[in-house]
Amino acid sequence: MKKNNTKHKCVACKKQFHYNCLLKYHIRREHFNLKGYRPYYETQNINQIWFEKVLNTDFLAKMTKISNNEIAVQKLNEGTTIKPTEMVCEEIDLHFLYPTNRSQPLKCSLCSETYAREKFKKHFMESHGLMLKKSCDKCKQKFVSPTGVVDHICPESAVE
C-alpha cells in the first residue's frame, strides 16, 4: 500500500499537496481574487476636495487631500444639500505579481515537442528517461518503459 505523504492541505476545498509552494499556487489560482482596486483618495490631487457618505449614518464628510499621505476630514451638518462624490475605483490586475498560470504547454528541450504539463513528465520519462535501454541485449525483446528491462527474465541467459 502506498503511503500518503501529503503534508499541506487547502482549507477551502480539502485538496492535499506534497509541497507548500504547490498549495500556494492552488490557493492563488482557485480561491484568491487577484484583482485589486486603487483607492479613490490616491487618484485625487493635493488640495482637492470631495464628499463622502459616512458609513451607517446619514452624515456627509468633506474630504481634503493635504499631502500624499494626509487627508483632512470635516463632518458636514445633517441638513446639507451637497451630494456625495461619485467614486469610481480603478481596477488593478495583480496576476503579473504572482505566477499562477500553470496551464501553458511545456516544450521538451531534447525533442522540441510541446506537451501539456500533466503529460510532460510521462513523455520525458518514457522518451528520454536517463536514456535507459528499453530492450534486452540478448533476446532483443522490447519494453514500454525502462523498468520493464530490469524486471525481465531473459530466456537466452538461461541457456548459458
C-alpha atoms as a PDB file:
ATOM      1  CA  MET A   1       0.000   0.000   0.000  1.00  0.00           C
ATOM      2  CA  LYS A   2       1.299   3.428  -0.958  1.00  0.00           C
ATOM      3  CA  LYS A   3       1.864   5.810   1.924  1.00  0.00           C
ATOM      4  CA  ASN A   4       0.234   9.229   1.532  1.00  0.00           C
ATOM      5  CA  ASN A   5       2.934  11.833   2.284  1.00  0.00           C
ATOM      6  CA  THR A   6       0.810  14.926   1.729  1.00  0.00           C
ATOM      7  CA  LYS A   7       1.542  17.500   4.388  1.00  0.00           C
ATOM      8  CA  HIS A   8      -0.141  20.641   3.063  1.00  0.00           C
ATOM      9  CA  LYS A   9      -3.927  20.847   2.899  1.00  0.00           C
ATOM     10  CA  CYS A  10      -6.142  23.521   1.357  1.00  0.00           C
ATOM     11  CA  VAL A  11      -8.620  24.653   3.996  1.00  0.00           C
ATOM     12  CA  ALA A  12     -11.202  25.735   1.403  1.00  0.00           C
ATOM     13  CA  CYS A  13     -11.504  22.596  -0.750  1.00  0.00           C
ATOM     14  CA  LYS A  14      -9.582  19.980   1.292  1.00  0.00           C
ATOM     15  CA  LYS A  15      -7.128  19.190  -1.555  1.00  0.00           C
ATOM     16  CA  GLN A  16      -3.760  17.951  -0.353  1.00  0.00           C
ATOM     17  CA  PHE A  17      -0.319  18.820  -1.709  1.00  0.00           C
ATOM     18  CA  HIS A  18       3.178  17.479  -1.153  1.00  0.00           C
ATOM     19  CA  TYR A  19       4.804  20.909  -1.236  1.00  0.00           C
ATOM     20  CA  ASN A  20       3.790  24.218   0.293  1.00  0.00           C
ATOM     21  CA  CYS A  21       4.589  26.089  -2.942  1.00  0.00           C
ATOM     22  CA  LEU A  22       2.026  23.973  -4.826  1.00  0.00           C
ATOM     23  CA  LEU A  23      -0.573  24.763  -2.161  1.00  0.00           C
ATOM     24  CA  LYS A  24       0.150  28.495  -2.573  1.00  0.00           C
ATOM     25  CA  TYR A  25      -0.230  28.263  -6.355  1.00  0.00           C
ATOM     26  CA  HIS A  26      -3.508  26.388  -5.898  1.00  0.00           C
ATOM     27  CA  ILE A  27      -4.906  28.971  -3.482  1.00  0.00           C
ATOM     28  CA  ARG A  28      -3.951  31.886  -5.741  1.00  0.00           C
ATOM     29  CA  ARG A  29      -5.314  30.177  -8.848  1.00  0.00           C
ATOM     30  CA  GLU A  30      -8.558  28.764  -7.425  1.00  0.00           C
ATOM     31  CA  HIS A  31      -9.572  30.742  -4.337  1.00  0.00           C
ATOM     32  CA  PHE A  32      -7.885  34.128  -4.369  1.00  0.00           C
ATOM     33  CA  ASN A  33      -9.101  37.194  -6.208  1.00  0.00           C
ATOM     34  CA  LEU A  34      -6.114  38.801  -7.913  1.00  0.00           C
ATOM     35  CA  LYS A  35      -7.976  41.968  -8.840  1.00  0.00           C
ATOM     36  CA  GLY A  36      -7.247  44.994  -6.689  1.00  0.00           C
ATOM     37  CA  TYR A  37      -8.690  48.466  -6.547  1.00  0.00           C
ATOM     38  CA  ARG A  38      -6.786  51.693  -6.307  1.00  0.00           C
ATOM     39  CA  PRO A  39      -8.349  53.749  -3.502  1.00  0.00           C
ATOM     40  CA  TYR A  40     -10.216  56.847  -4.643  1.00  0.00           C
ATOM     41  CA  TYR A  41      -8.092  59.198  -2.488  1.00  0.00           C
ATOM     42  CA  GLU A  42      -4.936  58.105  -4.366  1.00  0.00           C
ATOM     43  CA  THR A  43      -6.379  59.438  -7.627  1.00  0.00           C
ATOM     44  CA  GLN A  44      -7.012  62.896  -6.129  1.00  0.00           C
ATOM     45  CA  ASN A  45      -4.605  65.814  -6.364  1.00  0.00           C
ATOM     46  CA  ILE A  46      -3.279  67.707  -3.354  1.00  0.00           C
ATOM     47  CA  ASN A  47      -5.800  70.328  -2.055  1.00  0.00           C
ATOM     48  CA  GLN A  48      -8.611  68.675  -3.989  1.00  0.00           C
ATOM     49  CA  ILE A  49     -11.961  68.360  -2.155  1.00  0.00           C
ATOM     50  CA  TRP A  50     -14.590  65.618  -2.396  1.00  0.00           C
ATOM     51  CA  PHE A  51     -17.568  64.492  -0.325  1.00  0.00           C
ATOM     52  CA  GLU A  52     -18.200  61.018   1.070  1.00  0.00           C
ATOM     53  CA  LYS A  53     -21.124  59.497   2.928  1.00  0.00           C
ATOM     54  CA  VAL A  54     -20.201  58.312   6.429  1.00  0.00           C
ATOM     55  CA  LEU A  55     -20.926  54.598   6.788  1.00  0.00           C
ATOM     56  CA  ASN A  56     -24.096  53.583   8.669  1.00  0.00           C
ATOM     57  CA  THR A  57     -25.220  57.229   9.054  1.00  0.00           C
ATOM     58  CA  ASP A  58     -26.951  59.983   7.072  1.00  0.00           C
ATOM     59  CA  PHE A  59     -24.000  62.360   7.524  1.00  0.00           C
ATOM     60  CA  LEU A  60     -21.598  63.565   4.843  1.00  0.00           C
ATOM     61  CA  ALA A  61     -17.881  64.208   5.280  1.00  0.00           C
ATOM     62  CA  LYS A  62     -15.840  66.800   3.426  1.00  0.00           C
ATOM     63  CA  MET A  63     -12.507  65.231   2.442  1.00  0.00           C
ATOM     64  CA  THR A  64      -9.478  67.351   1.552  1.00  0.00           C
ATOM     65  CA  LYS A  65      -6.216  65.802   0.395  1.00  0.00           C
ATOM     66  CA  ILE A  66      -3.490  67.765   2.170  1.00  0.00           C
ATOM     67  CA  SER A  67      -0.496  65.685   1.091  1.00  0.00           C
ATOM     68  CA  ASN A  68       0.128  62.230  -0.390  1.00  0.00           C
ATOM     69  CA  ASN A  69      -0.340  60.557   2.980  1.00  0.00           C
ATOM     70  CA  GLU A  70      -2.639  63.026   4.799  1.00  0.00           C
ATOM     71  CA  ILE A  71      -6.380  63.692   4.417  1.00  0.00           C
ATOM     72  CA  ALA A  72      -8.415  66.240   6.374  1.00  0.00           C
ATOM     73  CA  VAL A  73     -11.956  65.085   7.243  1.00  0.00           C
ATOM     74  CA  GLN A  74     -14.676  67.537   8.249  1.00  0.00           C
ATOM     75  CA  LYS A  75     -18.187  66.484   9.269  1.00  0.00           C
ATOM     76  CA  LEU A  76     -20.965  68.403   7.497  1.00  0.00           C
ATOM     77  CA  ASN A  77     -24.284  69.364   9.117  1.00  0.00           C
ATOM     78  CA  GLU A  78     -27.207  66.966   8.798  1.00  0.00           C
ATOM     79  CA  GLY A  79     -29.411  69.117   6.537  1.00  0.00           C
ATOM     80  CA  THR A  80     -26.808  69.844   3.841  1.00  0.00           C
ATOM     81  CA  THR A  81     -27.873  69.681   0.180  1.00  0.00           C
ATOM     82  CA  ILE A  82     -24.469  68.581  -1.130  1.00  0.00           C
ATOM     83  CA  LYS A  83     -24.453  65.225  -2.929  1.00  0.00           C
ATOM     84  CA  PRO A  84     -21.665  62.690  -2.242  1.00  0.00           C
ATOM     85  CA  THR A  85     -18.992  62.444  -4.932  1.00  0.00           C
ATOM     86  CA  GLU A  86     -19.432  59.531  -7.350  1.00  0.00           C
ATOM     87  CA  MET A  87     -16.406  57.330  -6.685  1.00  0.00           C
ATOM     88  CA  VAL A  88     -15.146  55.120  -9.489  1.00  0.00           C
ATOM     89  CA  CYS A  89     -12.269  52.962  -8.319  1.00  0.00           C
ATOM     90  CA  GLU A  90      -9.585  51.991 -10.788  1.00  0.00           C
ATOM     91  CA  GLU A  91      -9.223  48.201 -11.059  1.00  0.00           C
ATOM     92  CA  ILE A  92      -5.690  46.788 -10.980  1.00  0.00           C
ATOM     93  CA  ASP A  93      -4.826  43.306 -12.268  1.00  0.00           C
ATOM     94  CA  LEU A  94      -2.303  41.673  -9.908  1.00  0.00           C
ATOM     95  CA  HIS A  95      -1.644  38.474 -11.886  1.00  0.00           C
ATOM     96  CA  PHE A  96       1.732  39.768 -13.046  1.00  0.00           C
ATOM     97  CA  LEU A  97       2.903  39.795  -9.400  1.00  0.00           C
ATOM     98  CA  TYR A  98       2.022  36.139  -8.752  1.00  0.00           C
ATOM     99  CA  PRO A  99       2.964  33.324 -11.177  1.00  0.00           C
ATOM    100  CA  THR A 100      -0.338  31.454 -11.332  1.00  0.00           C
ATOM    101  CA  ASN A 101      -0.740  30.472 -14.993  1.00  0.00           C
ATOM    102  CA  ARG A 102       0.293  26.835 -14.970  1.00  0.00           C
ATOM    103  CA  SER A 103      -1.781  25.788 -17.984  1.00  0.00           C
ATOM    104  CA  GLN A 104       0.812  26.772 -20.589  1.00  0.00           C
ATOM    105  CA  PRO A 105       2.249  23.858 -22.589  1.00  0.00           C
ATOM    106  CA  LEU A 106       5.840  22.879 -21.911  1.00  0.00           C
ATOM    107  CA  LYS A 107       8.389  22.421 -24.679  1.00  0.00           C
ATOM    108  CA  CYS A 108      10.738  19.467 -24.416  1.00  0.00           C
ATOM    109  CA  SER A 109      14.335  20.687 -24.683  1.00  0.00           C
ATOM    110  CA  LEU A 110      15.518  17.368 -26.188  1.00  0.00           C
ATOM    111  CA  CYS A 111      12.952  16.732 -28.951  1.00  0.00           C
ATOM    112  CA  SER A 112      11.317  20.227 -29.213  1.00  0.00           C
ATOM    113  CA  GLU A 113       7.769  18.840 -28.954  1.00  0.00           C
ATOM    114  CA  THR A 114       5.180  20.560 -26.739  1.00  0.00           C
ATOM    115  CA  TYR A 115       3.068  18.762 -24.148  1.00  0.00           C
ATOM    116  CA  ALA A 116       0.505  19.701 -21.542  1.00  0.00           C
ATOM    117  CA  ARG A 117       2.036  19.977 -18.082  1.00  0.00           C
ATOM    118  CA  GLU A 118       0.256  16.819 -16.894  1.00  0.00           C
ATOM    119  CA  LYS A 119       1.656  14.730 -19.784  1.00  0.00           C
ATOM    120  CA  PHE A 120       5.144  16.224 -19.951  1.00  0.00           C
ATOM    121  CA  LYS A 121       6.627  14.122 -17.150  1.00  0.00           C
ATOM    122  CA  LYS A 122       5.302  10.912 -18.687  1.00  0.00           C
ATOM    123  CA  HIS A 123       6.685  11.911 -22.102  1.00  0.00           C
ATOM    124  CA  PHE A 124      10.069  12.801 -20.669  1.00  0.00           C
ATOM    125  CA  MET A 125      10.401   9.625 -18.616  1.00  0.00           C
ATOM    126  CA  GLU A 126       9.250   7.332 -21.430  1.00  0.00           C
ATOM    127  CA  SER A 127      11.138   9.037 -24.239  1.00  0.00           C
ATOM    128  CA  HIS A 128      14.238  10.474 -22.565  1.00  0.00           C
ATOM    129  CA  GLY A 129      14.282   8.979 -19.058  1.00  0.00           C
ATOM    130  CA  LEU A 130      18.006   8.990 -18.422  1.00  0.00           C
ATOM    131  CA  MET A 131      18.312   7.268 -21.828  1.00  0.00           C
ATOM    132  CA  LEU A 132      17.822   3.855 -20.220  1.00  0.00           C
ATOM    133  CA  LYS A 133      17.553   0.873 -22.520  1.00  0.00           C
ATOM    134  CA  LYS A 134      14.068  -0.342 -23.421  1.00  0.00           C
ATOM    135  CA  SER A 135      15.108  -3.659 -24.910  1.00  0.00           C
ATOM    136  CA  CYS A 136      17.006  -6.720 -23.764  1.00  0.00           C
ATOM    137  CA  ASP A 137      20.526  -7.020 -25.281  1.00  0.00           C
ATOM    138  CA  LYS A 138      20.340 -10.820 -25.514  1.00  0.00           C
ATOM    139  CA  CYS A 139      16.797 -11.652 -26.697  1.00  0.00           C
ATOM    140  CA  LYS A 140      16.007  -8.231 -28.244  1.00  0.00           C
ATOM    141  CA  GLN A 141      12.582  -8.116 -26.529  1.00  0.00           C
ATOM    142  CA  LYS A 142      11.283  -4.514 -26.358  1.00  0.00           C
ATOM    143  CA  PHE A 143       9.532  -2.874 -23.408  1.00  0.00           C
ATOM    144  CA  VAL A 144       7.334   0.194 -22.959  1.00  0.00           C
ATOM    145  CA  SER A 145       9.354   1.559 -20.046  1.00  0.00           C
ATOM    146  CA  PRO A 146      12.955   1.114 -18.907  1.00  0.00           C
ATOM    147  CA  THR A 147      11.766  -0.595 -15.716  1.00  0.00           C
ATOM    148  CA  GLY A 148      10.454  -3.463 -17.839  1.00  0.00           C
ATOM    149  CA  VAL A 149      14.040  -4.380 -18.740  1.00  0.00           C
ATOM    150  CA  VAL A 150      15.004  -4.551 -15.066  1.00  0.00           C
ATOM    151  CA  ASP A 151      12.125  -6.923 -14.222  1.00  0.00           C
ATOM    152  CA  HIS A 152      12.690  -9.028 -17.359  1.00  0.00           C
ATOM    153  CA  ILE A 153      13.981 -12.596 -17.023  1.00  0.00           C
ATOM    154  CA  CYS A 154      15.719 -13.352 -20.299  1.00  0.00           C
ATOM    155  CA  PRO A 155      15.287 -16.899 -21.700  1.00  0.00           C
ATOM    156  CA  GLU A 156      18.613 -16.519 -23.589  1.00  0.00           C
ATOM    157  CA  SER A 157      20.554 -16.084 -20.335  1.00  0.00           C
ATOM    158  CA  ALA A 158      19.166 -19.422 -19.030  1.00  0.00           C
ATOM    159  CA  VAL A 159      20.834 -21.271 -21.969  1.00  0.00           C
ATOM    160  CA  GLU A 160      24.344 -20.303 -20.904  1.00  0.00           C
END
